[in-house]
mmCIF file of all heavy atoms, coordinates in Angstrom:
data_MODEL
# 
_entry.id   MODEL 
# 
loop_
_atom_site.group_PDB 
_atom_site.id 
_atom_site.type_symbol 
_atom_site.label_atom_id 
_atom_site.label_alt_id 
_atom_site.label_comp_id 
_atom_site.label_asym_id 
_atom_site.label_entity_id 
_atom_site.label_seq_id 
_atom_site.pdbx_PDB_ins_code 
_atom_site.Cartn_x 
_atom_site.Cartn_y 
_atom_site.Cartn_z 
_atom_site.occupancy 
_atom_site.B_iso_or_equiv 
_atom_site.pdbx_formal_charge 
_atom_site.auth_seq_id 
_atom_site.auth_comp_id 
_atom_site.auth_asym_id 
_atom_site.auth_atom_id 
_atom_site.pdbx_PDB_model_num 
ATOM 1   N N   . LEU A 1 1  ? -51.749 85.034 236.386 1.00 0.00 ? 1  LEU A N   1 
ATOM 2   C CA  . LEU A 1 1  ? -53.207 84.936 236.397 1.00 0.00 ? 1  LEU A CA  1 
ATOM 3   C C   . LEU A 1 1  ? -53.715 84.474 237.763 1.00 0.00 ? 1  LEU A C   1 
ATOM 4   O O   . LEU A 1 1  ? -53.102 83.616 238.410 1.00 0.00 ? 1  LEU A O   1 
ATOM 5   C CB  . LEU A 1 1  ? -53.681 83.951 235.322 1.00 0.00 ? 1  LEU A CB  1 
ATOM 6   C CG  . LEU A 1 1  ? -53.300 84.283 233.878 1.00 0.00 ? 1  LEU A CG  1 
ATOM 7   C CD1 . LEU A 1 1  ? -53.800 83.181 232.943 1.00 0.00 ? 1  LEU A CD1 1 
ATOM 8   C CD2 . LEU A 1 1  ? -53.866 85.629 233.464 1.00 0.00 ? 1  LEU A CD2 1 
ATOM 9   N N   . THR A 1 2  ? -54.837 85.051 238.191 1.00 0.00 ? 2  THR A N   1 
ATOM 10  C CA  . THR A 1 2  ? -55.375 84.712 239.513 1.00 0.00 ? 2  THR A CA  1 
ATOM 11  C C   . THR A 1 2  ? -55.942 83.304 239.575 1.00 0.00 ? 2  THR A C   1 
ATOM 12  O O   . THR A 1 2  ? -56.279 82.825 240.658 1.00 0.00 ? 2  THR A O   1 
ATOM 13  C CB  . THR A 1 2  ? -56.466 85.726 239.926 1.00 0.00 ? 2  THR A CB  1 
ATOM 14  O OG1 . THR A 1 2  ? -57.442 85.819 238.884 1.00 0.00 ? 2  THR A OG1 1 
ATOM 15  C CG2 . THR A 1 2  ? -55.865 87.089 240.185 1.00 0.00 ? 2  THR A CG2 1 
ATOM 16  N N   . SER A 1 3  ? -56.039 82.631 238.444 1.00 0.00 ? 3  SER A N   1 
ATOM 17  C CA  . SER A 1 3  ? -56.482 81.233 238.431 1.00 0.00 ? 3  SER A CA  1 
ATOM 18  C C   . SER A 1 3  ? -55.324 80.266 238.630 1.00 0.00 ? 3  SER A C   1 
ATOM 19  O O   . SER A 1 3  ? -55.515 79.047 238.646 1.00 0.00 ? 3  SER A O   1 
ATOM 20  C CB  . SER A 1 3  ? -57.187 80.911 237.107 1.00 0.00 ? 3  SER A CB  1 
ATOM 21  O OG  . SER A 1 3  ? -56.283 81.083 236.023 1.00 0.00 ? 3  SER A OG  1 
ATOM 22  N N   . MET A 1 4  ? -54.098 80.796 238.763 1.00 0.00 ? 4  MET A N   1 
ATOM 23  C CA  . MET A 1 4  ? -52.907 79.948 238.850 1.00 0.00 ? 4  MET A CA  1 
ATOM 24  C C   . MET A 1 4  ? -52.283 80.003 240.237 1.00 0.00 ? 4  MET A C   1 
ATOM 25  O O   . MET A 1 4  ? -52.216 81.062 240.866 1.00 0.00 ? 4  MET A O   1 
ATOM 26  C CB  . MET A 1 4  ? -51.869 80.382 237.803 1.00 0.00 ? 4  MET A CB  1 
ATOM 27  C CG  . MET A 1 4  ? -52.369 80.311 236.374 1.00 0.00 ? 4  MET A CG  1 
ATOM 28  S SD  . MET A 1 4  ? -51.104 80.739 235.146 1.00 0.00 ? 4  MET A SD  1 
ATOM 29  C CE  . MET A 1 4  ? -50.103 79.248 235.181 1.00 0.00 ? 4  MET A CE  1 
ATOM 30  N N   . ASP A 1 5  ? -51.828 78.838 240.708 1.00 0.00 ? 5  ASP A N   1 
ATOM 31  C CA  . ASP A 1 5  ? -51.084 78.779 241.958 1.00 0.00 ? 5  ASP A CA  1 
ATOM 32  C C   . ASP A 1 5  ? -49.706 78.188 241.674 1.00 0.00 ? 5  ASP A C   1 
ATOM 33  O O   . ASP A 1 5  ? -49.317 77.999 240.512 1.00 0.00 ? 5  ASP A O   1 
ATOM 34  C CB  . ASP A 1 5  ? -51.848 77.977 243.023 1.00 0.00 ? 5  ASP A CB  1 
ATOM 35  C CG  . ASP A 1 5  ? -52.184 76.548 242.572 1.00 0.00 ? 5  ASP A CG  1 
ATOM 36  O OD1 . ASP A 1 5  ? -51.557 76.058 241.603 1.00 0.00 ? 5  ASP A OD1 1 
ATOM 37  O OD2 . ASP A 1 5  ? -53.062 75.923 243.197 1.00 0.00 ? 5  ASP A OD2 1 
ATOM 38  N N   . ALA A 1 6  ? -48.949 77.880 242.734 1.00 0.00 ? 6  ALA A N   1 
ATOM 39  C CA  . ALA A 1 6  ? -47.576 77.407 242.557 1.00 0.00 ? 6  ALA A CA  1 
ATOM 40  C C   . ALA A 1 6  ? -47.519 76.120 241.734 1.00 0.00 ? 6  ALA A C   1 
ATOM 41  O O   . ALA A 1 6  ? -46.625 75.933 240.897 1.00 0.00 ? 6  ALA A O   1 
ATOM 42  C CB  . ALA A 1 6  ? -46.919 77.199 243.919 1.00 0.00 ? 6  ALA A CB  1 
ATOM 43  N N   . GLU A 1 7  ? -48.467 75.226 241.958 1.00 0.00 ? 7  GLU A N   1 
ATOM 44  C CA  . GLU A 1 7  ? -48.500 73.963 241.212 1.00 0.00 ? 7  GLU A CA  1 
ATOM 45  C C   . GLU A 1 7  ? -48.731 74.214 239.717 1.00 0.00 ? 7  GLU A C   1 
ATOM 46  O O   . GLU A 1 7  ? -48.103 73.579 238.870 1.00 0.00 ? 7  GLU A O   1 
ATOM 47  C CB  . GLU A 1 7  ? -49.602 73.068 241.775 1.00 0.00 ? 7  GLU A CB  1 
ATOM 48  C CG  . GLU A 1 7  ? -49.650 71.687 241.146 1.00 0.00 ? 7  GLU A CG  1 
ATOM 49  C CD  . GLU A 1 7  ? -50.698 70.794 241.795 1.00 0.00 ? 7  GLU A CD  1 
ATOM 50  O OE1 . GLU A 1 7  ? -51.113 71.096 242.930 1.00 0.00 ? 7  GLU A OE1 1 
ATOM 51  O OE2 . GLU A 1 7  ? -51.099 69.804 241.149 1.00 0.00 ? 7  GLU A OE2 1 
ATOM 52  N N   . ASP A 1 8  ? -49.618 75.154 239.406 1.00 0.00 ? 8  ASP A N   1 
ATOM 53  C CA  . ASP A 1 8  ? -49.875 75.485 238.001 1.00 0.00 ? 8  ASP A CA  1 
ATOM 54  C C   . ASP A 1 8  ? -48.644 76.075 237.334 1.00 0.00 ? 8  ASP A C   1 
ATOM 55  O O   . ASP A 1 8  ? -48.335 75.760 236.176 1.00 0.00 ? 8  ASP A O   1 
ATOM 56  C CB  . ASP A 1 8  ? -51.036 76.481 237.891 1.00 0.00 ? 8  ASP A CB  1 
ATOM 57  C CG  . ASP A 1 8  ? -52.345 75.906 238.405 1.00 0.00 ? 8  ASP A CG  1 
ATOM 58  O OD1 . ASP A 1 8  ? -52.650 74.751 238.071 1.00 0.00 ? 8  ASP A OD1 1 
ATOM 59  O OD2 . ASP A 1 8  ? -53.042 76.621 239.146 1.00 0.00 ? 8  ASP A OD2 1 
ATOM 60  N N   . LEU A 1 9  ? -47.931 76.946 238.039 1.00 0.00 ? 9  LEU A N   1 
ATOM 61  C CA  . LEU A 1 9  ? -46.723 77.552 237.477 1.00 0.00 ? 9  LEU A CA  1 
ATOM 62  C C   . LEU A 1 9  ? -45.644 76.492 237.230 1.00 0.00 ? 9  LEU A C   1 
ATOM 63  O O   . LEU A 1 9  ? -44.962 76.527 236.207 1.00 0.00 ? 9  LEU A O   1 
ATOM 64  C CB  . LEU A 1 9  ? -46.189 78.642 238.406 1.00 0.00 ? 9  LEU A CB  1 
ATOM 65  C CG  . LEU A 1 9  ? -47.008 79.928 238.478 1.00 0.00 ? 9  LEU A CG  1 
ATOM 66  C CD1 . LEU A 1 9  ? -46.377 80.901 239.478 1.00 0.00 ? 9  LEU A CD1 1 
ATOM 67  C CD2 . LEU A 1 9  ? -47.108 80.591 237.111 1.00 0.00 ? 9  LEU A CD2 1 
ATOM 68  N N   . ALA A 1 10 ? -45.501 75.553 238.177 1.00 0.00 ? 10 ALA A N   1 
ATOM 69  C CA  . ALA A 1 10 ? -44.517 74.495 238.005 1.00 0.00 ? 10 ALA A CA  1 
ATOM 70  C C   . ALA A 1 10 ? -44.857 73.642 236.792 1.00 0.00 ? 10 ALA A C   1 
ATOM 71  O O   . ALA A 1 10 ? -43.976 73.269 236.000 1.00 0.00 ? 10 ALA A O   1 
ATOM 72  C CB  . ALA A 1 10 ? -44.463 73.627 239.263 1.00 0.00 ? 10 ALA A CB  1 
ATOM 73  N N   . GLU A 1 11 ? -46.143 73.346 236.609 1.00 0.00 ? 11 GLU A N   1 
ATOM 74  C CA  . GLU A 1 11 ? -46.569 72.557 235.453 1.00 0.00 ? 11 GLU A CA  1 
ATOM 75  C C   . GLU A 1 11 ? -46.261 73.279 234.148 1.00 0.00 ? 11 GLU A C   1 
ATOM 76  O O   . GLU A 1 11 ? -45.956 72.652 233.122 1.00 0.00 ? 11 GLU A O   1 
ATOM 77  C CB  . GLU A 1 11 ? -48.062 72.264 235.557 1.00 0.00 ? 11 GLU A CB  1 
ATOM 78  C CG  . GLU A 1 11 ? -48.592 71.364 234.447 1.00 0.00 ? 11 GLU A CG  1 
ATOM 79  C CD  . GLU A 1 11 ? -50.080 71.097 234.569 1.00 0.00 ? 11 GLU A CD  1 
ATOM 80  O OE1 . GLU A 1 11 ? -50.792 71.905 235.206 1.00 0.00 ? 11 GLU A OE1 1 
ATOM 81  O OE2 . GLU A 1 11 ? -50.543 70.088 234.015 1.00 0.00 ? 11 GLU A OE2 1 
ATOM 82  N N   . ALA A 1 12 ? -46.334 74.633 234.172 1.00 0.00 ? 12 ALA A N   1 
ATOM 83  C CA  . ALA A 1 12 ? -46.063 75.434 232.975 1.00 0.00 ? 12 ALA A CA  1 
ATOM 84  C C   . ALA A 1 12 ? -44.575 75.663 232.746 1.00 0.00 ? 12 ALA A C   1 
ATOM 85  O O   . ALA A 1 12 ? -44.185 76.305 231.764 1.00 0.00 ? 12 ALA A O   1 
ATOM 86  C CB  . ALA A 1 12 ? -46.775 76.782 233.091 1.00 0.00 ? 12 ALA A CB  1 
ATOM 87  N N   . GLY A 1 13 ? -43.735 75.167 233.661 1.00 0.00 ? 13 GLY A N   1 
ATOM 88  C CA  . GLY A 1 13 ? -42.297 75.268 233.458 1.00 0.00 ? 13 GLY A CA  1 
ATOM 89  C C   . GLY A 1 13 ? -41.609 76.405 234.185 1.00 0.00 ? 13 GLY A C   1 
ATOM 90  O O   . GLY A 1 13 ? -40.423 76.648 233.973 1.00 0.00 ? 13 GLY A O   1 
ATOM 91  N N   . TYR A 1 14 ? -42.344 77.110 235.052 1.00 0.00 ? 14 TYR A N   1 
ATOM 92  C CA  . TYR A 1 14 ? -41.740 78.203 235.812 1.00 0.00 ? 14 TYR A CA  1 
ATOM 93  C C   . TYR A 1 14 ? -41.104 77.668 237.093 1.00 0.00 ? 14 TYR A C   1 
ATOM 94  O O   . TYR A 1 14 ? -41.680 76.829 237.780 1.00 0.00 ? 14 TYR A O   1 
ATOM 95  C CB  . TYR A 1 14 ? -42.789 79.251 236.180 1.00 0.00 ? 14 TYR A CB  1 
ATOM 96  C CG  . TYR A 1 14 ? -43.277 80.068 235.006 1.00 0.00 ? 14 TYR A CG  1 
ATOM 97  C CD1 . TYR A 1 14 ? -44.453 79.728 234.340 1.00 0.00 ? 14 TYR A CD1 1 
ATOM 98  C CD2 . TYR A 1 14 ? -42.565 81.177 234.563 1.00 0.00 ? 14 TYR A CD2 1 
ATOM 99  C CE1 . TYR A 1 14 ? -44.907 80.467 233.259 1.00 0.00 ? 14 TYR A CE1 1 
ATOM 100 C CE2 . TYR A 1 14 ? -43.005 81.921 233.479 1.00 0.00 ? 14 TYR A CE2 1 
ATOM 101 C CZ  . TYR A 1 14 ? -44.183 81.565 232.837 1.00 0.00 ? 14 TYR A CZ  1 
ATOM 102 O OH  . TYR A 1 14 ? -44.624 82.291 231.769 1.00 0.00 ? 14 TYR A OH  1 
ATOM 103 N N   . ALA A 1 15 ? -39.936 78.193 237.427 1.00 0.00 ? 15 ALA A N   1 
ATOM 104 C CA  . ALA A 1 15 ? -39.239 77.751 238.628 1.00 0.00 ? 15 ALA A CA  1 
ATOM 105 C C   . ALA A 1 15 ? -39.678 78.526 239.861 1.00 0.00 ? 15 ALA A C   1 
ATOM 106 O O   . ALA A 1 15 ? -39.339 78.156 240.981 1.00 0.00 ? 15 ALA A O   1 
ATOM 107 C CB  . ALA A 1 15 ? -37.727 77.898 238.437 1.00 0.00 ? 15 ALA A CB  1 
ATOM 108 N N   . HIS A 1 16 ? -40.438 79.612 239.661 1.00 0.00 ? 16 HIS A N   1 
ATOM 109 C CA  . HIS A 1 16 ? -40.790 80.492 240.770 1.00 0.00 ? 16 HIS A CA  1 
ATOM 110 C C   . HIS A 1 16 ? -42.210 80.232 241.284 1.00 0.00 ? 16 HIS A C   1 
ATOM 111 O O   . HIS A 1 16 ? -43.081 79.783 240.536 1.00 0.00 ? 16 HIS A O   1 
ATOM 112 C CB  . HIS A 1 16 ? -40.705 81.962 240.324 1.00 0.00 ? 16 HIS A CB  1 
ATOM 113 C CG  . HIS A 1 16 ? -39.365 82.362 239.816 1.00 0.00 ? 16 HIS A CG  1 
ATOM 114 N ND1 . HIS A 1 16 ? -38.226 82.253 240.562 1.00 0.00 ? 16 HIS A ND1 1 
ATOM 115 C CD2 . HIS A 1 16 ? -38.983 82.884 238.620 1.00 0.00 ? 16 HIS A CD2 1 
ATOM 116 C CE1 . HIS A 1 16 ? -37.194 82.682 239.858 1.00 0.00 ? 16 HIS A CE1 1 
ATOM 117 N NE2 . HIS A 1 16 ? -37.622 83.069 238.673 1.00 0.00 ? 16 HIS A NE2 1 
ATOM 118 N N   . ASP A 1 17 ? -42.420 80.542 242.542 1.00 0.00 ? 17 ASP A N   1 
ATOM 119 C CA  . ASP A 1 17 ? -43.772 80.561 243.092 1.00 0.00 ? 17 ASP A CA  1 
ATOM 120 C C   . ASP A 1 17 ? -44.440 81.850 242.633 1.00 0.00 ? 17 ASP A C   1 
ATOM 121 O O   . ASP A 1 17 ? -43.760 82.764 242.131 1.00 0.00 ? 17 ASP A O   1 
ATOM 122 C CB  . ASP A 1 17 ? -43.734 80.481 244.623 1.00 0.00 ? 17 ASP A CB  1 
ATOM 123 C CG  . ASP A 1 17 ? -42.956 81.647 245.229 1.00 0.00 ? 17 ASP A CG  1 
ATOM 124 O OD1 . ASP A 1 17 ? -43.566 82.725 245.406 1.00 0.00 ? 17 ASP A OD1 1 
ATOM 125 O OD2 . ASP A 1 17 ? -41.752 81.490 245.490 1.00 0.00 ? 17 ASP A OD2 1 
ATOM 126 N N   . PRO A 1 18 ? -45.789 81.962 242.767 1.00 0.00 ? 18 PRO A N   1 
ATOM 127 C CA  . PRO A 1 18 ? -46.472 83.157 242.257 1.00 0.00 ? 18 PRO A CA  1 
ATOM 128 C C   . PRO A 1 18 ? -45.905 84.472 242.791 1.00 0.00 ? 18 PRO A C   1 
ATOM 129 O O   . PRO A 1 18 ? -45.711 85.416 242.020 1.00 0.00 ? 18 PRO A O   1 
ATOM 130 C CB  . PRO A 1 18 ? -47.922 82.940 242.708 1.00 0.00 ? 18 PRO A CB  1 
ATOM 131 C CG  . PRO A 1 18 ? -48.084 81.463 242.730 1.00 0.00 ? 18 PRO A CG  1 
ATOM 132 C CD  . PRO A 1 18 ? -46.756 80.950 243.237 1.00 0.00 ? 18 PRO A CD  1 
ATOM 133 N N   . GLU A 1 19 ? -45.640 84.562 244.091 1.00 0.00 ? 19 GLU A N   1 
ATOM 134 C CA  . GLU A 1 19 ? -45.172 85.829 244.647 1.00 0.00 ? 19 GLU A CA  1 
ATOM 135 C C   . GLU A 1 19 ? -43.829 86.241 244.057 1.00 0.00 ? 19 GLU A C   1 
ATOM 136 O O   . GLU A 1 19 ? -43.626 87.414 243.708 1.00 0.00 ? 19 GLU A O   1 
ATOM 137 C CB  . GLU A 1 19 ? -45.061 85.733 246.172 1.00 0.00 ? 19 GLU A CB  1 
ATOM 138 C CG  . GLU A 1 19 ? -44.611 87.037 246.808 1.00 0.00 ? 19 GLU A CG  1 
ATOM 139 C CD  . GLU A 1 19 ? -44.490 86.958 248.319 1.00 0.00 ? 19 GLU A CD  1 
ATOM 140 O OE1 . GLU A 1 19 ? -45.398 86.379 248.956 1.00 0.00 ? 19 GLU A OE1 1 
ATOM 141 O OE2 . GLU A 1 19 ? -43.496 87.478 248.864 1.00 0.00 ? 19 GLU A OE2 1 
ATOM 142 N N   . THR A 1 20 ? -42.917 85.310 243.918 1.00 0.00 ? 20 THR A N   1 
ATOM 143 C CA  . THR A 1 20 ? -41.599 85.626 243.357 1.00 0.00 ? 20 THR A CA  1 
ATOM 144 C C   . THR A 1 20 ? -41.714 86.088 241.916 1.00 0.00 ? 20 THR A C   1 
ATOM 145 O O   . THR A 1 20 ? -41.061 87.061 241.496 1.00 0.00 ? 20 THR A O   1 
ATOM 146 C CB  . THR A 1 20 ? -40.669 84.397 243.442 1.00 0.00 ? 20 THR A CB  1 
ATOM 147 O OG1 . THR A 1 20 ? -40.557 83.987 244.814 1.00 0.00 ? 20 THR A OG1 1 
ATOM 148 C CG2 . THR A 1 20 ? -39.293 84.711 242.888 1.00 0.00 ? 20 THR A CG2 1 
ATOM 149 N N   . LEU A 1 21 ? -42.550 85.399 241.140 1.00 0.00 ? 21 LEU A N   1 
ATOM 150 C CA  . LEU A 1 21 ? -42.719 85.776 239.735 1.00 0.00 ? 21 LEU A CA  1 
ATOM 151 C C   . LEU A 1 21 ? -43.406 87.131 239.606 1.00 0.00 ? 21 LEU A C   1 
ATOM 152 O O   . LEU A 1 21 ? -43.032 87.946 238.750 1.00 0.00 ? 21 LEU A O   1 
ATOM 153 C CB  . LEU A 1 21 ? -43.521 84.702 239.003 1.00 0.00 ? 21 LEU A CB  1 
ATOM 154 C CG  . LEU A 1 21 ? -43.650 84.867 237.484 1.00 0.00 ? 21 LEU A CG  1 
ATOM 155 C CD1 . LEU A 1 21 ? -42.290 85.013 236.812 1.00 0.00 ? 21 LEU A CD1 1 
ATOM 156 C CD2 . LEU A 1 21 ? -44.417 83.686 236.897 1.00 0.00 ? 21 LEU A CD2 1 
ATOM 157 N N   . VAL A 1 22 ? -44.388 87.396 240.472 1.00 0.00 ? 22 VAL A N   1 
ATOM 158 C CA  . VAL A 1 22 ? -45.055 88.699 240.454 1.00 0.00 ? 22 VAL A CA  1 
ATOM 159 C C   . VAL A 1 22 ? -44.058 89.812 240.752 1.00 0.00 ? 22 VAL A C   1 
ATOM 160 O O   . VAL A 1 22 ? -44.051 90.859 240.099 1.00 0.00 ? 22 VAL A O   1 
ATOM 161 C CB  . VAL A 1 22 ? -46.230 88.729 241.451 1.00 0.00 ? 22 VAL A CB  1 
ATOM 162 C CG1 . VAL A 1 22 ? -46.726 90.162 241.658 1.00 0.00 ? 22 VAL A CG1 1 
ATOM 163 C CG2 . VAL A 1 22 ? -47.378 87.850 240.956 1.00 0.00 ? 22 VAL A CG2 1 
ATOM 164 N N   . ARG A 1 23 ? -43.213 89.607 241.754 1.00 0.00 ? 23 ARG A N   1 
ATOM 165 C CA  . ARG A 1 23 ? -42.195 90.606 242.086 1.00 0.00 ? 23 ARG A CA  1 
ATOM 166 C C   . ARG A 1 23 ? -41.303 90.912 240.880 1.00 0.00 ? 23 ARG A C   1 
ATOM 167 O O   . ARG A 1 23 ? -41.038 92.074 240.563 1.00 0.00 ? 23 ARG A O   1 
ATOM 168 C CB  . ARG A 1 23 ? -41.320 90.107 243.243 1.00 0.00 ? 23 ARG A CB  1 
ATOM 169 C CG  . ARG A 1 23 ? -41.951 90.147 244.610 1.00 0.00 ? 23 ARG A CG  1 
ATOM 170 C CD  . ARG A 1 23 ? -40.983 89.609 245.657 1.00 0.00 ? 23 ARG A CD  1 
ATOM 171 N NE  . ARG A 1 23 ? -41.528 89.611 246.986 1.00 0.00 ? 23 ARG A NE  1 
ATOM 172 C CZ  . ARG A 1 23 ? -41.521 90.647 247.811 1.00 0.00 ? 23 ARG A CZ  1 
ATOM 173 N NH1 . ARG A 1 23 ? -40.956 91.781 247.412 1.00 0.00 ? 23 ARG A NH1 1 
ATOM 174 N NH2 . ARG A 1 23 ? -42.053 90.571 249.008 1.00 0.00 ? 23 ARG A NH2 1 
ATOM 175 N N   . ARG A 1 24 ? -40.846 89.867 240.221 1.00 0.00 ? 24 ARG A N   1 
ATOM 176 C CA  . ARG A 1 24 ? -39.941 90.042 239.087 1.00 0.00 ? 24 ARG A CA  1 
ATOM 177 C C   . ARG A 1 24 ? -40.626 90.794 237.949 1.00 0.00 ? 24 ARG A C   1 
ATOM 178 O O   . ARG A 1 24 ? -40.061 91.725 237.365 1.00 0.00 ? 24 ARG A O   1 
ATOM 179 C CB  . ARG A 1 24 ? -39.469 88.665 238.602 1.00 0.00 ? 24 ARG A CB  1 
ATOM 180 C CG  . ARG A 1 24 ? -38.547 88.693 237.392 1.00 0.00 ? 24 ARG A CG  1 
ATOM 181 C CD  . ARG A 1 24 ? -37.265 89.422 237.722 1.00 0.00 ? 24 ARG A CD  1 
ATOM 182 N NE  . ARG A 1 24 ? -36.320 89.370 236.608 1.00 0.00 ? 24 ARG A NE  1 
ATOM 183 C CZ  . ARG A 1 24 ? -35.440 90.309 236.334 1.00 0.00 ? 24 ARG A CZ  1 
ATOM 184 N NH1 . ARG A 1 24 ? -35.393 91.397 237.096 1.00 0.00 ? 24 ARG A NH1 1 
ATOM 185 N NH2 . ARG A 1 24 ? -34.612 90.183 235.330 1.00 0.00 ? 24 ARG A NH2 1 
ATOM 186 N N   . ARG A 1 25 ? -41.850 90.422 237.657 1.00 0.00 ? 25 ARG A N   1 
ATOM 187 C CA  . ARG A 1 25 ? -42.565 91.076 236.566 1.00 0.00 ? 25 ARG A CA  1 
ATOM 188 C C   . ARG A 1 25 ? -42.953 92.503 236.912 1.00 0.00 ? 25 ARG A C   1 
ATOM 189 O O   . ARG A 1 25 ? -43.014 93.364 236.024 1.00 0.00 ? 25 ARG A O   1 
ATOM 190 C CB  . ARG A 1 25 ? -43.785 90.232 236.176 1.00 0.00 ? 25 ARG A CB  1 
ATOM 191 C CG  . ARG A 1 25 ? -43.358 88.969 235.450 1.00 0.00 ? 25 ARG A CG  1 
ATOM 192 C CD  . ARG A 1 25 ? -44.495 88.117 234.973 1.00 0.00 ? 25 ARG A CD  1 
ATOM 193 N NE  . ARG A 1 25 ? -44.008 87.147 233.987 1.00 0.00 ? 25 ARG A NE  1 
ATOM 194 C CZ  . ARG A 1 25 ? -44.738 86.152 233.509 1.00 0.00 ? 25 ARG A CZ  1 
ATOM 195 N NH1 . ARG A 1 25 ? -45.991 86.001 233.914 1.00 0.00 ? 25 ARG A NH1 1 
ATOM 196 N NH2 . ARG A 1 25 ? -44.233 85.321 232.617 1.00 0.00 ? 25 ARG A NH2 1 
ATOM 197 N N   . ALA A 1 26 ? -43.216 92.781 238.168 1.00 0.00 ? 26 ALA A N   1 
ATOM 198 C CA  . ALA A 1 26 ? -43.507 94.155 238.578 1.00 0.00 ? 26 ALA A CA  1 
ATOM 199 C C   . ALA A 1 26 ? -42.293 95.048 238.362 1.00 0.00 ? 26 ALA A C   1 
ATOM 200 O O   . ALA A 1 26 ? -42.409 96.181 237.875 1.00 0.00 ? 26 ALA A O   1 
ATOM 201 C CB  . ALA A 1 26 ? -43.939 94.193 240.043 1.00 0.00 ? 26 ALA A CB  1 
ATOM 202 N N   . GLU A 1 27 ? -41.128 94.535 238.714 1.00 0.00 ? 27 GLU A N   1 
ATOM 203 C CA  . GLU A 1 27 ? -39.897 95.302 238.492 1.00 0.00 ? 27 GLU A CA  1 
ATOM 204 C C   . GLU A 1 27 ? -39.678 95.561 237.001 1.00 0.00 ? 27 GLU A C   1 
ATOM 205 O O   . GLU A 1 27 ? -39.320 96.674 236.590 1.00 0.00 ? 27 GLU A O   1 
ATOM 206 C CB  . GLU A 1 27 ? -38.709 94.529 239.071 1.00 0.00 ? 27 GLU A CB  1 
ATOM 207 C CG  . GLU A 1 27 ? -38.715 94.434 240.593 1.00 0.00 ? 27 GLU A CG  1 
ATOM 208 C CD  . GLU A 1 27 ? -37.727 93.409 241.125 1.00 0.00 ? 27 GLU A CD  1 
ATOM 209 O OE1 . GLU A 1 27 ? -37.125 92.670 240.289 1.00 0.00 ? 27 GLU A OE1 1 
ATOM 210 O OE2 . GLU A 1 27 ? -37.560 93.324 242.350 1.00 0.00 ? 27 GLU A OE2 1 
ATOM 211 N N   . GLN A 1 28 ? -39.914 94.537 236.182 1.00 0.00 ? 28 GLN A N   1 
ATOM 212 C CA  . GLN A 1 28 ? -39.694 94.677 234.743 1.00 0.00 ? 28 GLN A CA  1 
ATOM 213 C C   . GLN A 1 28 ? -40.697 95.637 234.115 1.00 0.00 ? 28 GLN A C   1 
ATOM 214 O O   . GLN A 1 28 ? -40.342 96.418 233.221 1.00 0.00 ? 28 GLN A O   1 
ATOM 215 C CB  . GLN A 1 28 ? -39.777 93.297 234.087 1.00 0.00 ? 28 GLN A CB  1 
ATOM 216 C CG  . GLN A 1 28 ? -38.609 92.401 234.465 1.00 0.00 ? 28 GLN A CG  1 
ATOM 217 C CD  . GLN A 1 28 ? -38.794 90.958 234.020 1.00 0.00 ? 28 GLN A CD  1 
ATOM 218 O OE1 . GLN A 1 28 ? -39.920 90.458 233.950 1.00 0.00 ? 28 GLN A OE1 1 
ATOM 219 N NE2 . GLN A 1 28 ? -37.700 90.271 233.721 1.00 0.00 ? 28 GLN A NE2 1 
ATOM 220 N N   . ALA A 1 29 ? -41.947 95.595 234.579 1.00 0.00 ? 29 ALA A N   1 
ATOM 221 C CA  . ALA A 1 29 ? -42.967 96.510 234.056 1.00 0.00 ? 29 ALA A CA  1 
ATOM 222 C C   . ALA A 1 29 ? -42.639 97.952 234.429 1.00 0.00 ? 29 ALA A C   1 
ATOM 223 O O   . ALA A 1 29 ? -42.775 98.866 233.609 1.00 0.00 ? 29 ALA A O   1 
ATOM 224 C CB  . ALA A 1 29 ? -44.336 96.122 234.598 1.00 0.00 ? 29 ALA A CB  1 
# 
């Protein structure tokens, strides 16, 4: 979500920064 940054992702339990997670999800999609 465009309202989320690296700090928000870390709080939600994700180990990745936004760009890394976007890359992974783009590949999966």
